[in-house]
Structure formats: structure tokens, C-alpha cells
Amino acid sequence: GLEPYRDVPIVFTGLRPGEKLHEE
């Protein structure tokens, strides 16, 4: 019942150690 970015922010933190952008 909330609005993204207005009521709840979304923060981009960067890929963590060992993570891929896309899985296969």
C-alpha cells in the first residue's frame, strides 16, 4: 500500500563479493 521511492526508498549498494549481475 505504499509508493516506491516516495514512501519507501530503494538504495543501490553495488554487487557484493562473489555476486554476478546475471545468473546462468
PDBML (XML) file of the C-alpha atoms, coordinates in Angstrom:
<?xml version="1.0" encoding="UTF-8" ?>
<PDBx:datablock datablockName="MODEL"
   xmlns:PDBx="http://pdbml.pdb.org/schema/pdbx-v50.xsd"
   xmlns:xsi="http://www.w3.org/2001/XMLSchema-instance"
   xsi:schemaLocation="http://pdbml.pdb.org/schema/pdbx-v50.xsd pdbx-v50.xsd">
   <PDBx:atom_siteCategory>
      <PDBx:atom_site id="1">
         <PDBx:B_iso_or_equiv>0.00</PDBx:B_iso_or_equiv>
         <PDBx:Cartn_x>0.000</PDBx:Cartn_x>
         <PDBx:Cartn_y>0.000</PDBx:Cartn_y>
         <PDBx:Cartn_z>0.000</PDBx:Cartn_z>
         <PDBx:auth_asym_id>A</PDBx:auth_asym_id>
         <PDBx:auth_atom_id>CA</PDBx:auth_atom_id>
         <PDBx:auth_comp_id>GLY</PDBx:auth_comp_id>
         <PDBx:auth_seq_id>1</PDBx:auth_seq_id>
         <PDBx:group_PDB>ATOM</PDBx:group_PDB>
         <PDBx:label_alt_id xsi:nil="true" />
         <PDBx:label_asym_id>A</PDBx:label_asym_id>
         <PDBx:label_atom_id>CA</PDBx:label_atom_id>
         <PDBx:label_comp_id>GLY</PDBx:label_comp_id>
         <PDBx:label_entity_id>1</PDBx:label_entity_id>
         <PDBx:label_seq_id>1</PDBx:label_seq_id>
         <PDBx:occupancy>1.00</PDBx:occupancy>
         <PDBx:pdbx_PDB_model_num>1</PDBx:pdbx_PDB_model_num>
         <PDBx:type_symbol>C</PDBx:type_symbol>
      </PDBx:atom_site>
      <PDBx:atom_site id="2">
         <PDBx:B_iso_or_equiv>0.00</PDBx:B_iso_or_equiv>
         <PDBx:Cartn_x>2.998</PDBx:Cartn_x>
         <PDBx:Cartn_y>2.319</PDBx:Cartn_y>
         <PDBx:Cartn_z>-0.359</PDBx:Cartn_z>
         <PDBx:auth_asym_id>A</PDBx:auth_asym_id>
         <PDBx:auth_atom_id>CA</PDBx:auth_atom_id>
         <PDBx:auth_comp_id>LEU</PDBx:auth_comp_id>
         <PDBx:auth_seq_id>2</PDBx:auth_seq_id>
         <PDBx:group_PDB>ATOM</PDBx:group_PDB>
         <PDBx:label_alt_id xsi:nil="true" />
         <PDBx:label_asym_id>A</PDBx:label_asym_id>
         <PDBx:label_atom_id>CA</PDBx:label_atom_id>
         <PDBx:label_comp_id>LEU</PDBx:label_comp_id>
         <PDBx:label_entity_id>1</PDBx:label_entity_id>
         <PDBx:label_seq_id>2</PDBx:label_seq_id>
         <PDBx:occupancy>1.00</PDBx:occupancy>
         <PDBx:pdbx_PDB_model_num>1</PDBx:pdbx_PDB_model_num>
         <PDBx:type_symbol>C</PDBx:type_symbol>
      </PDBx:atom_site>
      <PDBx:atom_site id="3">
         <PDBx:B_iso_or_equiv>0.00</PDBx:B_iso_or_equiv>
         <PDBx:Cartn_x>4.712</PDBx:Cartn_x>
         <PDBx:Cartn_y>4.089</PDBx:Cartn_y>
         <PDBx:Cartn_z>-3.221</PDBx:Cartn_z>
         <PDBx:auth_asym_id>A</PDBx:auth_asym_id>
         <PDBx:auth_atom_id>CA</PDBx:auth_atom_id>
         <PDBx:auth_comp_id>GLU</PDBx:auth_comp_id>
         <PDBx:auth_seq_id>3</PDBx:auth_seq_id>
         <PDBx:group_PDB>ATOM</PDBx:group_PDB>
         <PDBx:label_alt_id xsi:nil="true" />
         <PDBx:label_asym_id>A</PDBx:label_asym_id>
         <PDBx:label_atom_id>CA</PDBx:label_atom_id>
         <PDBx:label_comp_id>GLU</PDBx:label_comp_id>
         <PDBx:label_entity_id>1</PDBx:label_entity_id>
         <PDBx:label_seq_id>3</PDBx:label_seq_id>
         <PDBx:occupancy>1.00</PDBx:occupancy>
         <PDBx:pdbx_PDB_model_num>1</PDBx:pdbx_PDB_model_num>
         <PDBx:type_symbol>C</PDBx:type_symbol>
      </PDBx:atom_site>
      <PDBx:atom_site id="4">
         <PDBx:B_iso_or_equiv>0.00</PDBx:B_iso_or_equiv>
         <PDBx:Cartn_x>8.284</PDBx:Cartn_x>
         <PDBx:Cartn_y>3.129</PDBx:Cartn_y>
         <PDBx:Cartn_z>-4.210</PDBx:Cartn_z>
         <PDBx:auth_asym_id>A</PDBx:auth_asym_id>
         <PDBx:auth_atom_id>CA</PDBx:auth_atom_id>
         <PDBx:auth_comp_id>PRO</PDBx:auth_comp_id>
         <PDBx:auth_seq_id>4</PDBx:auth_seq_id>
         <PDBx:group_PDB>ATOM</PDBx:group_PDB>
         <PDBx:label_alt_id xsi:nil="true" />
         <PDBx:label_asym_id>A</PDBx:label_asym_id>
         <PDBx:label_atom_id>CA</PDBx:label_atom_id>
         <PDBx:label_comp_id>PRO</PDBx:label_comp_id>
         <PDBx:label_entity_id>1</PDBx:label_entity_id>
         <PDBx:label_seq_id>4</PDBx:label_seq_id>
         <PDBx:occupancy>1.00</PDBx:occupancy>
         <PDBx:pdbx_PDB_model_num>1</PDBx:pdbx_PDB_model_num>
         <PDBx:type_symbol>C</PDBx:type_symbol>
      </PDBx:atom_site>
      <PDBx:atom_site id="5">
         <PDBx:B_iso_or_equiv>0.00</PDBx:B_iso_or_equiv>
         <PDBx:Cartn_x>10.916</PDBx:Cartn_x>
         <PDBx:Cartn_y>5.869</PDBx:Cartn_y>
         <PDBx:Cartn_z>-3.865</PDBx:Cartn_z>
         <PDBx:auth_asym_id>A</PDBx:auth_asym_id>
         <PDBx:auth_atom_id>CA</PDBx:auth_atom_id>
         <PDBx:auth_comp_id>TYR</PDBx:auth_comp_id>
         <PDBx:auth_seq_id>5</PDBx:auth_seq_id>
         <PDBx:group_PDB>ATOM</PDBx:group_PDB>
         <PDBx:label_alt_id xsi:nil="true" />
         <PDBx:label_asym_id>A</PDBx:label_asym_id>
         <PDBx:label_atom_id>CA</PDBx:label_atom_id>
         <PDBx:label_comp_id>TYR</PDBx:label_comp_id>
         <PDBx:label_entity_id>1</PDBx:label_entity_id>
         <PDBx:label_seq_id>5</PDBx:label_seq_id>
         <PDBx:occupancy>1.00</PDBx:occupancy>
         <PDBx:pdbx_PDB_model_num>1</PDBx:pdbx_PDB_model_num>
         <PDBx:type_symbol>C</PDBx:type_symbol>
      </PDBx:atom_site>
      <PDBx:atom_site id="6">
         <PDBx:B_iso_or_equiv>0.00</PDBx:B_iso_or_equiv>
         <PDBx:Cartn_x>8.358</PDBx:Cartn_x>
         <PDBx:Cartn_y>8.185</PDBx:Cartn_y>
         <PDBx:Cartn_z>-2.243</PDBx:Cartn_z>
         <PDBx:auth_asym_id>A</PDBx:auth_asym_id>
         <PDBx:auth_atom_id>CA</PDBx:auth_atom_id>
         <PDBx:auth_comp_id>ARG</PDBx:auth_comp_id>
         <PDBx:auth_seq_id>6</PDBx:auth_seq_id>
         <PDBx:group_PDB>ATOM</PDBx:group_PDB>
         <PDBx:label_alt_id xsi:nil="true" />
         <PDBx:label_asym_id>A</PDBx:label_asym_id>
         <PDBx:label_atom_id>CA</PDBx:label_atom_id>
         <PDBx:label_comp_id>ARG</PDBx:label_comp_id>
         <PDBx:label_entity_id>1</PDBx:label_entity_id>
         <PDBx:label_seq_id>6</PDBx:label_seq_id>
         <PDBx:occupancy>1.00</PDBx:occupancy>
         <PDBx:pdbx_PDB_model_num>1</PDBx:pdbx_PDB_model_num>
         <PDBx:type_symbol>C</PDBx:type_symbol>
      </PDBx:atom_site>
      <PDBx:atom_site id="7">
         <PDBx:B_iso_or_equiv>0.00</PDBx:B_iso_or_equiv>
         <PDBx:Cartn_x>7.206</PDBx:Cartn_x>
         <PDBx:Cartn_y>6.228</PDBx:Cartn_y>
         <PDBx:Cartn_z>0.836</PDBx:Cartn_z>
         <PDBx:auth_asym_id>A</PDBx:auth_asym_id>
         <PDBx:auth_atom_id>CA</PDBx:auth_atom_id>
         <PDBx:auth_comp_id>ASP</PDBx:auth_comp_id>
         <PDBx:auth_seq_id>7</PDBx:auth_seq_id>
         <PDBx:group_PDB>ATOM</PDBx:group_PDB>
         <PDBx:label_alt_id xsi:nil="true" />
         <PDBx:label_asym_id>A</PDBx:label_asym_id>
         <PDBx:label_atom_id>CA</PDBx:label_atom_id>
         <PDBx:label_comp_id>ASP</PDBx:label_comp_id>
         <PDBx:label_entity_id>1</PDBx:label_entity_id>
         <PDBx:label_seq_id>7</PDBx:label_seq_id>
         <PDBx:occupancy>1.00</PDBx:occupancy>
         <PDBx:pdbx_PDB_model_num>1</PDBx:pdbx_PDB_model_num>
         <PDBx:type_symbol>C</PDBx:type_symbol>
      </PDBx:atom_site>
      <PDBx:atom_site id="8">
         <PDBx:B_iso_or_equiv>0.00</PDBx:B_iso_or_equiv>
         <PDBx:Cartn_x>9.998</PDBx:Cartn_x>
         <PDBx:Cartn_y>3.633</PDBx:Cartn_y>
         <PDBx:Cartn_z>0.837</PDBx:Cartn_z>
         <PDBx:auth_asym_id>A</PDBx:auth_asym_id>
         <PDBx:auth_atom_id>CA</PDBx:auth_atom_id>
         <PDBx:auth_comp_id>VAL</PDBx:auth_comp_id>
         <PDBx:auth_seq_id>8</PDBx:auth_seq_id>
         <PDBx:group_PDB>ATOM</PDBx:group_PDB>
         <PDBx:label_alt_id xsi:nil="true" />
         <PDBx:label_asym_id>A</PDBx:label_asym_id>
         <PDBx:label_atom_id>CA</PDBx:label_atom_id>
         <PDBx:label_comp_id>VAL</PDBx:label_comp_id>
         <PDBx:label_entity_id>1</PDBx:label_entity_id>
         <PDBx:label_seq_id>8</PDBx:label_seq_id>
         <PDBx:occupancy>1.00</PDBx:occupancy>
         <PDBx:pdbx_PDB_model_num>1</PDBx:pdbx_PDB_model_num>
         <PDBx:type_symbol>C</PDBx:type_symbol>
      </PDBx:atom_site>
      <PDBx:atom_site id="9">
         <PDBx:B_iso_or_equiv>0.00</PDBx:B_iso_or_equiv>
         <PDBx:Cartn_x>13.390</PDBx:Cartn_x>
         <PDBx:Cartn_y>4.491</PDBx:Cartn_y>
         <PDBx:Cartn_z>-0.693</PDBx:Cartn_z>
         <PDBx:auth_asym_id>A</PDBx:auth_asym_id>
         <PDBx:auth_atom_id>CA</PDBx:auth_atom_id>
         <PDBx:auth_comp_id>PRO</PDBx:auth_comp_id>
         <PDBx:auth_seq_id>9</PDBx:auth_seq_id>
         <PDBx:group_PDB>ATOM</PDBx:group_PDB>
         <PDBx:label_alt_id xsi:nil="true" />
         <PDBx:label_asym_id>A</PDBx:label_asym_id>
         <PDBx:label_atom_id>CA</PDBx:label_atom_id>
         <PDBx:label_comp_id>PRO</PDBx:label_comp_id>
         <PDBx:label_entity_id>1</PDBx:label_entity_id>
         <PDBx:label_seq_id>9</PDBx:label_seq_id>
         <PDBx:occupancy>1.00</PDBx:occupancy>
         <PDBx:pdbx_PDB_model_num>1</PDBx:pdbx_PDB_model_num>
         <PDBx:type_symbol>C</PDBx:type_symbol>
      </PDBx:atom_site>
      <PDBx:atom_site id="10">
         <PDBx:B_iso_or_equiv>0.00</PDBx:B_iso_or_equiv>
         <PDBx:Cartn_x>15.334</PDBx:Cartn_x>
         <PDBx:Cartn_y>1.939</PDBx:Cartn_y>
         <PDBx:Cartn_z>-2.743</PDBx:Cartn_z>
         <PDBx:auth_asym_id>A</PDBx:auth_asym_id>
         <PDBx:auth_atom_id>CA</PDBx:auth_atom_id>
         <PDBx:auth_comp_id>ILE</PDBx:auth_comp_id>
         <PDBx:auth_seq_id>10</PDBx:auth_seq_id>
         <PDBx:group_PDB>ATOM</PDBx:group_PDB>
         <PDBx:label_alt_id xsi:nil="true" />
         <PDBx:label_asym_id>A</PDBx:label_asym_id>
         <PDBx:label_atom_id>CA</PDBx:label_atom_id>
         <PDBx:label_comp_id>ILE</PDBx:label_comp_id>
         <PDBx:label_entity_id>1</PDBx:label_entity_id>
         <PDBx:label_seq_id>10</PDBx:label_seq_id>
         <PDBx:occupancy>1.00</PDBx:occupancy>
         <PDBx:pdbx_PDB_model_num>1</PDBx:pdbx_PDB_model_num>
         <PDBx:type_symbol>C</PDBx:type_symbol>
      </PDBx:atom_site>
      <PDBx:atom_site id="11">
         <PDBx:B_iso_or_equiv>0.00</PDBx:B_iso_or_equiv>
         <PDBx:Cartn_x>19.103</PDBx:Cartn_x>
         <PDBx:Cartn_y>2.252</PDBx:Cartn_y>
         <PDBx:Cartn_z>-2.333</PDBx:Cartn_z>
         <PDBx:auth_asym_id>A</PDBx:auth_asym_id>
         <PDBx:auth_atom_id>CA</PDBx:auth_atom_id>
         <PDBx:auth_comp_id>VAL</PDBx:auth_comp_id>
         <PDBx:auth_seq_id>11</PDBx:auth_seq_id>
         <PDBx:group_PDB>ATOM</PDBx:group_PDB>
         <PDBx:label_alt_id xsi:nil="true" />
         <PDBx:label_asym_id>A</PDBx:label_asym_id>
         <PDBx:label_atom_id>CA</PDBx:label_atom_id>
         <PDBx:label_comp_id>VAL</PDBx:label_comp_id>
         <PDBx:label_entity_id>1</PDBx:label_entity_id>
         <PDBx:label_seq_id>11</PDBx:label_seq_id>
         <PDBx:occupancy>1.00</PDBx:occupancy>
         <PDBx:pdbx_PDB_model_num>1</PDBx:pdbx_PDB_model_num>
         <PDBx:type_symbol>C</PDBx:type_symbol>
      </PDBx:atom_site>
      <PDBx:atom_site id="12">
         <PDBx:B_iso_or_equiv>0.00</PDBx:B_iso_or_equiv>
         <PDBx:Cartn_x>21.643</PDBx:Cartn_x>
         <PDBx:Cartn_y>0.680</PDBx:Cartn_y>
         <PDBx:Cartn_z>-4.724</PDBx:Cartn_z>
         <PDBx:auth_asym_id>A</PDBx:auth_asym_id>
         <PDBx:auth_atom_id>CA</PDBx:auth_atom_id>
         <PDBx:auth_comp_id>PHE</PDBx:auth_comp_id>
         <PDBx:auth_seq_id>12</PDBx:auth_seq_id>
         <PDBx:group_PDB>ATOM</PDBx:group_PDB>
         <PDBx:label_alt_id xsi:nil="true" />
         <PDBx:label_asym_id>A</PDBx:label_asym_id>
         <PDBx:label_atom_id>CA</PDBx:label_atom_id>
         <PDBx:label_comp_id>PHE</PDBx:label_comp_id>
         <PDBx:label_entity_id>1</PDBx:label_entity_id>
         <PDBx:label_seq_id>12</PDBx:label_seq_id>
         <PDBx:occupancy>1.00</PDBx:occupancy>
         <PDBx:pdbx_PDB_model_num>1</PDBx:pdbx_PDB_model_num>
         <PDBx:type_symbol>C</PDBx:type_symbol>
      </PDBx:atom_site>
      <PDBx:atom_site id="13">
         <PDBx:B_iso_or_equiv>0.00</PDBx:B_iso_or_equiv>
         <PDBx:Cartn_x>24.663</PDBx:Cartn_x>
         <PDBx:Cartn_y>-0.639</PDBx:Cartn_y>
         <PDBx:Cartn_z>-2.821</PDBx:Cartn_z>
         <PDBx:auth_asym_id>A</PDBx:auth_asym_id>
         <PDBx:auth_atom_id>CA</PDBx:auth_atom_id>
         <PDBx:auth_comp_id>THR</PDBx:auth_comp_id>
         <PDBx:auth_seq_id>13</PDBx:auth_seq_id>
         <PDBx:group_PDB>ATOM</PDBx:group_PDB>
         <PDBx:label_alt_id xsi:nil="true" />
         <PDBx:label_asym_id>A</PDBx:label_asym_id>
         <PDBx:label_atom_id>CA</PDBx:label_atom_id>
         <PDBx:label_comp_id>THR</PDBx:label_comp_id>
         <PDBx:label_entity_id>1</PDBx:label_entity_id>
         <PDBx:label_seq_id>13</PDBx:label_seq_id>
         <PDBx:occupancy>1.00</PDBx:occupancy>
         <PDBx:pdbx_PDB_model_num>1</PDBx:pdbx_PDB_model_num>
         <PDBx:type_symbol>C</PDBx:type_symbol>
      </PDBx:atom_site>
      <PDBx:atom_site id="14">
         <PDBx:B_iso_or_equiv>0.00</PDBx:B_iso_or_equiv>
         <PDBx:Cartn_x>26.800</PDBx:Cartn_x>
         <PDBx:Cartn_y>-2.302</PDBx:Cartn_y>
         <PDBx:Cartn_z>-5.507</PDBx:Cartn_z>
         <PDBx:auth_asym_id>A</PDBx:auth_asym_id>
         <PDBx:auth_atom_id>CA</PDBx:auth_atom_id>
         <PDBx:auth_comp_id>GLY</PDBx:auth_comp_id>
         <PDBx:auth_seq_id>14</PDBx:auth_seq_id>
         <PDBx:group_PDB>ATOM</PDBx:group_PDB>
         <PDBx:label_alt_id xsi:nil="true" />
         <PDBx:label_asym_id>A</PDBx:label_asym_id>
         <PDBx:label_atom_id>CA</PDBx:label_atom_id>
         <PDBx:label_comp_id>GLY</PDBx:label_comp_id>
         <PDBx:label_entity_id>1</PDBx:label_entity_id>
         <PDBx:label_seq_id>14</PDBx:label_seq_id>
         <PDBx:occupancy>1.00</PDBx:occupancy>
         <PDBx:pdbx_PDB_model_num>1</PDBx:pdbx_PDB_model_num>
         <PDBx:type_symbol>C</PDBx:type_symbol>
      </PDBx:atom_site>
      <PDBx:atom_site id="15">
         <PDBx:B_iso_or_equiv>0.00</PDBx:B_iso_or_equiv>
         <PDBx:Cartn_x>27.385</PDBx:Cartn_x>
         <PDBx:Cartn_y>-6.006</PDBx:Cartn_y>
         <PDBx:Cartn_z>-6.129</PDBx:Cartn_z>
         <PDBx:auth_asym_id>A</PDBx:auth_asym_id>
         <PDBx:auth_atom_id>CA</PDBx:auth_atom_id>
         <PDBx:auth_comp_id>LEU</PDBx:auth_comp_id>
         <PDBx:auth_seq_id>15</PDBx:auth_seq_id>
         <PDBx:group_PDB>ATOM</PDBx:group_PDB>
         <PDBx:label_alt_id xsi:nil="true" />
         <PDBx:label_asym_id>A</PDBx:label_asym_id>
         <PDBx:label_atom_id>CA</PDBx:label_atom_id>
         <PDBx:label_comp_id>LEU</PDBx:label_comp_id>
         <PDBx:label_entity_id>1</PDBx:label_entity_id>
         <PDBx:label_seq_id>15</PDBx:label_seq_id>
         <PDBx:occupancy>1.00</PDBx:occupancy>
         <PDBx:pdbx_PDB_model_num>1</PDBx:pdbx_PDB_model_num>
         <PDBx:type_symbol>C</PDBx:type_symbol>
      </PDBx:atom_site>
      <PDBx:atom_site id="16">
         <PDBx:B_iso_or_equiv>0.00</PDBx:B_iso_or_equiv>
         <PDBx:Cartn_x>28.541</PDBx:Cartn_x>
         <PDBx:Cartn_y>-7.912</PDBx:Cartn_y>
         <PDBx:Cartn_z>-3.064</PDBx:Cartn_z>
         <PDBx:auth_asym_id>A</PDBx:auth_asym_id>
         <PDBx:auth_atom_id>CA</PDBx:auth_atom_id>
         <PDBx:auth_comp_id>ARG</PDBx:auth_comp_id>
         <PDBx:auth_seq_id>16</PDBx:auth_seq_id>
         <PDBx:group_PDB>ATOM</PDBx:group_PDB>
         <PDBx:label_alt_id xsi:nil="true" />
         <PDBx:label_asym_id>A</PDBx:label_asym_id>
         <PDBx:label_atom_id>CA</PDBx:label_atom_id>
         <PDBx:label_comp_id>ARG</PDBx:label_comp_id>
         <PDBx:label_entity_id>1</PDBx:label_entity_id>
         <PDBx:label_seq_id>16</PDBx:label_seq_id>
         <PDBx:occupancy>1.00</PDBx:occupancy>
         <PDBx:pdbx_PDB_model_num>1</PDBx:pdbx_PDB_model_num>
         <PDBx:type_symbol>C</PDBx:type_symbol>
      </PDBx:atom_site>
      <PDBx:atom_site id="17">
         <PDBx:B_iso_or_equiv>0.00</PDBx:B_iso_or_equiv>
         <PDBx:Cartn_x>31.629</PDBx:Cartn_x>
         <PDBx:Cartn_y>-10.144</PDBx:Cartn_y>
         <PDBx:Cartn_z>-3.011</PDBx:Cartn_z>
         <PDBx:auth_asym_id>A</PDBx:auth_asym_id>
         <PDBx:auth_atom_id>CA</PDBx:auth_atom_id>
         <PDBx:auth_comp_id>PRO</PDBx:auth_comp_id>
         <PDBx:auth_seq_id>17</PDBx:auth_seq_id>
         <PDBx:group_PDB>ATOM</PDBx:group_PDB>
         <PDBx:label_alt_id xsi:nil="true" />
         <PDBx:label_asym_id>A</PDBx:label_asym_id>
         <PDBx:label_atom_id>CA</PDBx:label_atom_id>
         <PDBx:label_comp_id>PRO</PDBx:label_comp_id>
         <PDBx:label_entity_id>1</PDBx:label_entity_id>
         <PDBx:label_seq_id>17</PDBx:label_seq_id>
         <PDBx:occupancy>1.00</PDBx:occupancy>
         <PDBx:pdbx_PDB_model_num>1</PDBx:pdbx_PDB_model_num>
         <PDBx:type_symbol>C</PDBx:type_symbol>
      </PDBx:atom_site>
      <PDBx:atom_site id="18">
         <PDBx:B_iso_or_equiv>0.00</PDBx:B_iso_or_equiv>
         <PDBx:Cartn_x>31.129</PDBx:Cartn_x>
         <PDBx:Cartn_y>-13.163</PDBx:Cartn_y>
         <PDBx:Cartn_z>-5.239</PDBx:Cartn_z>
         <PDBx:auth_asym_id>A</PDBx:auth_asym_id>
         <PDBx:auth_atom_id>CA</PDBx:auth_atom_id>
         <PDBx:auth_comp_id>GLY</PDBx:auth_comp_id>
         <PDBx:auth_seq_id>18</PDBx:auth_seq_id>
         <PDBx:group_PDB>ATOM</PDBx:group_PDB>
         <PDBx:label_alt_id xsi:nil="true" />
         <PDBx:label_asym_id>A</PDBx:label_asym_id>
         <PDBx:label_atom_id>CA</PDBx:label_atom_id>
         <PDBx:label_comp_id>GLY</PDBx:label_comp_id>
         <PDBx:label_entity_id>1</PDBx:label_entity_id>
         <PDBx:label_seq_id>18</PDBx:label_seq_id>
         <PDBx:occupancy>1.00</PDBx:occupancy>
         <PDBx:pdbx_PDB_model_num>1</PDBx:pdbx_PDB_model_num>
         <PDBx:type_symbol>C</PDBx:type_symbol>
      </PDBx:atom_site>
      <PDBx:atom_site id="19">
         <PDBx:B_iso_or_equiv>0.00</PDBx:B_iso_or_equiv>
         <PDBx:Cartn_x>27.892</PDBx:Cartn_x>
         <PDBx:Cartn_y>-11.932</PDBx:Cartn_y>
         <PDBx:Cartn_z>-6.820</PDBx:Cartn_z>
         <PDBx:auth_asym_id>A</PDBx:auth_asym_id>
         <PDBx:auth_atom_id>CA</PDBx:auth_atom_id>
         <PDBx:auth_comp_id>GLU</PDBx:auth_comp_id>
         <PDBx:auth_seq_id>19</PDBx:auth_seq_id>
         <PDBx:group_PDB>ATOM</PDBx:group_PDB>
         <PDBx:label_alt_id xsi:nil="true" />
         <PDBx:label_asym_id>A</PDBx:label_asym_id>
         <PDBx:label_atom_id>CA</PDBx:label_atom_id>
         <PDBx:label_comp_id>GLU</PDBx:label_comp_id>
         <PDBx:label_entity_id>1</PDBx:label_entity_id>
         <PDBx:label_seq_id>19</PDBx:label_seq_id>
         <PDBx:occupancy>1.00</PDBx:occupancy>
         <PDBx:pdbx_PDB_model_num>1</PDBx:pdbx_PDB_model_num>
         <PDBx:type_symbol>C</PDBx:type_symbol>
      </PDBx:atom_site>
      <PDBx:atom_site id="20">
         <PDBx:B_iso_or_equiv>0.00</PDBx:B_iso_or_equiv>
         <PDBx:Cartn_x>27.068</PDBx:Cartn_x>
         <PDBx:Cartn_y>-11.817</PDBx:Cartn_y>
         <PDBx:Cartn_z>-10.526</PDBx:Cartn_z>
         <PDBx:auth_asym_id>A</PDBx:auth_asym_id>
         <PDBx:auth_atom_id>CA</PDBx:auth_atom_id>
         <PDBx:auth_comp_id>LYS</PDBx:auth_comp_id>
         <PDBx:auth_seq_id>20</PDBx:auth_seq_id>
         <PDBx:group_PDB>ATOM</PDBx:group_PDB>
         <PDBx:label_alt_id xsi:nil="true" />
         <PDBx:label_asym_id>A</PDBx:label_asym_id>
         <PDBx:label_atom_id>CA</PDBx:label_atom_id>
         <PDBx:label_comp_id>LYS</PDBx:label_comp_id>
         <PDBx:label_entity_id>1</PDBx:label_entity_id>
         <PDBx:label_seq_id>20</PDBx:label_seq_id>
         <PDBx:occupancy>1.00</PDBx:occupancy>
         <PDBx:pdbx_PDB_model_num>1</PDBx:pdbx_PDB_model_num>
         <PDBx:type_symbol>C</PDBx:type_symbol>
      </PDBx:atom_site>
      <PDBx:atom_site id="21">
         <PDBx:B_iso_or_equiv>0.00</PDBx:B_iso_or_equiv>
         <PDBx:Cartn_x>24.895</PDBx:Cartn_x>
         <PDBx:Cartn_y>-9.320</PDBx:Cartn_y>
         <PDBx:Cartn_z>-12.331</PDBx:Cartn_z>
         <PDBx:auth_asym_id>A</PDBx:auth_asym_id>
         <PDBx:auth_atom_id>CA</PDBx:auth_atom_id>
         <PDBx:auth_comp_id>LEU</PDBx:auth_comp_id>
         <PDBx:auth_seq_id>21</PDBx:auth_seq_id>
         <PDBx:group_PDB>ATOM</PDBx:group_PDB>
         <PDBx:label_alt_id xsi:nil="true" />
         <PDBx:label_asym_id>A</PDBx:label_asym_id>
         <PDBx:label_atom_id>CA</PDBx:label_atom_id>
         <PDBx:label_comp_id>LEU</PDBx:label_comp_id>
         <PDBx:label_entity_id>1</PDBx:label_entity_id>
         <PDBx:label_seq_id>21</PDBx:label_seq_id>
         <PDBx:occupancy>1.00</PDBx:occupancy>
         <PDBx:pdbx_PDB_model_num>1</PDBx:pdbx_PDB_model_num>
         <PDBx:type_symbol>C</PDBx:type_symbol>
      </PDBx:atom_site>
      <PDBx:atom_site id="22">
         <PDBx:B_iso_or_equiv>0.00</PDBx:B_iso_or_equiv>
         <PDBx:Cartn_x>23.025</PDBx:Cartn_x>
         <PDBx:Cartn_y>-12.145</PDBx:Cartn_y>
         <PDBx:Cartn_z>-14.088</PDBx:Cartn_z>
         <PDBx:auth_asym_id>A</PDBx:auth_asym_id>
         <PDBx:auth_atom_id>CA</PDBx:auth_atom_id>
         <PDBx:auth_comp_id>HIS</PDBx:auth_comp_id>
         <PDBx:auth_seq_id>22</PDBx:auth_seq_id>
         <PDBx:group_PDB>ATOM</PDBx:group_PDB>
         <PDBx:label_alt_id xsi:nil="true" />
         <PDBx:label_asym_id>A</PDBx:label_asym_id>
         <PDBx:label_atom_id>CA</PDBx:label_atom_id>
         <PDBx:label_comp_id>HIS</PDBx:label_comp_id>
         <PDBx:label_entity_id>1</PDBx:label_entity_id>
         <PDBx:label_seq_id>22</PDBx:label_seq_id>
         <PDBx:occupancy>1.00</PDBx:occupancy>
         <PDBx:pdbx_PDB_model_num>1</PDBx:pdbx_PDB_model_num>
         <PDBx:type_symbol>C</PDBx:type_symbol>
      </PDBx:atom_site>
      <PDBx:atom_site id="23">
         <PDBx:B_iso_or_equiv>0.00</PDBx:B_iso_or_equiv>
         <PDBx:Cartn_x>22.881</PDBx:Cartn_x>
         <PDBx:Cartn_y>-15.842</PDBx:Cartn_y>
         <PDBx:Cartn_z>-13.174</PDBx:Cartn_z>
         <PDBx:auth_asym_id>A</PDBx:auth_asym_id>
         <PDBx:auth_atom_id>CA</PDBx:auth_atom_id>
         <PDBx:auth_comp_id>GLU</PDBx:auth_comp_id>
         <PDBx:auth_seq_id>23</PDBx:auth_seq_id>
         <PDBx:group_PDB>ATOM</PDBx:group_PDB>
         <PDBx:label_alt_id xsi:nil="true" />
         <PDBx:label_asym_id>A</PDBx:label_asym_id>
         <PDBx:label_atom_id>CA</PDBx:label_atom_id>
         <PDBx:label_comp_id>GLU</PDBx:label_comp_id>
         <PDBx:label_entity_id>1</PDBx:label_entity_id>
         <PDBx:label_seq_id>23</PDBx:label_seq_id>
         <PDBx:occupancy>1.00</PDBx:occupancy>
         <PDBx:pdbx_PDB_model_num>1</PDBx:pdbx_PDB_model_num>
         <PDBx:type_symbol>C</PDBx:type_symbol>
      </PDBx:atom_site>
      <PDBx:atom_site id="24">
         <PDBx:B_iso_or_equiv>0.00</PDBx:B_iso_or_equiv>
         <PDBx:Cartn_x>23.109</PDBx:Cartn_x>
         <PDBx:Cartn_y>-18.668</PDBx:Cartn_y>
         <PDBx:Cartn_z>-15.713</PDBx:Cartn_z>
         <PDBx:auth_asym_id>A</PDBx:auth_asym_id>
         <PDBx:auth_atom_id>CA</PDBx:auth_atom_id>
         <PDBx:auth_comp_id>GLU</PDBx:auth_comp_id>
         <PDBx:auth_seq_id>24</PDBx:auth_seq_id>
         <PDBx:group_PDB>ATOM</PDBx:group_PDB>
         <PDBx:label_alt_id xsi:nil="true" />
         <PDBx:label_asym_id>A</PDBx:label_asym_id>
         <PDBx:label_atom_id>CA</PDBx:label_atom_id>
         <PDBx:label_comp_id>GLU</PDBx:label_comp_id>
         <PDBx:label_entity_id>1</PDBx:label_entity_id>
         <PDBx:label_seq_id>24</PDBx:label_seq_id>
         <PDBx:occupancy>1.00</PDBx:occupancy>
         <PDBx:pdbx_PDB_model_num>1</PDBx:pdbx_PDB_model_num>
         <PDBx:type_symbol>C</PDBx:type_symbol>
      </PDBx:atom_site>
   </PDBx:atom_siteCategory>
</PDBx:datablock>
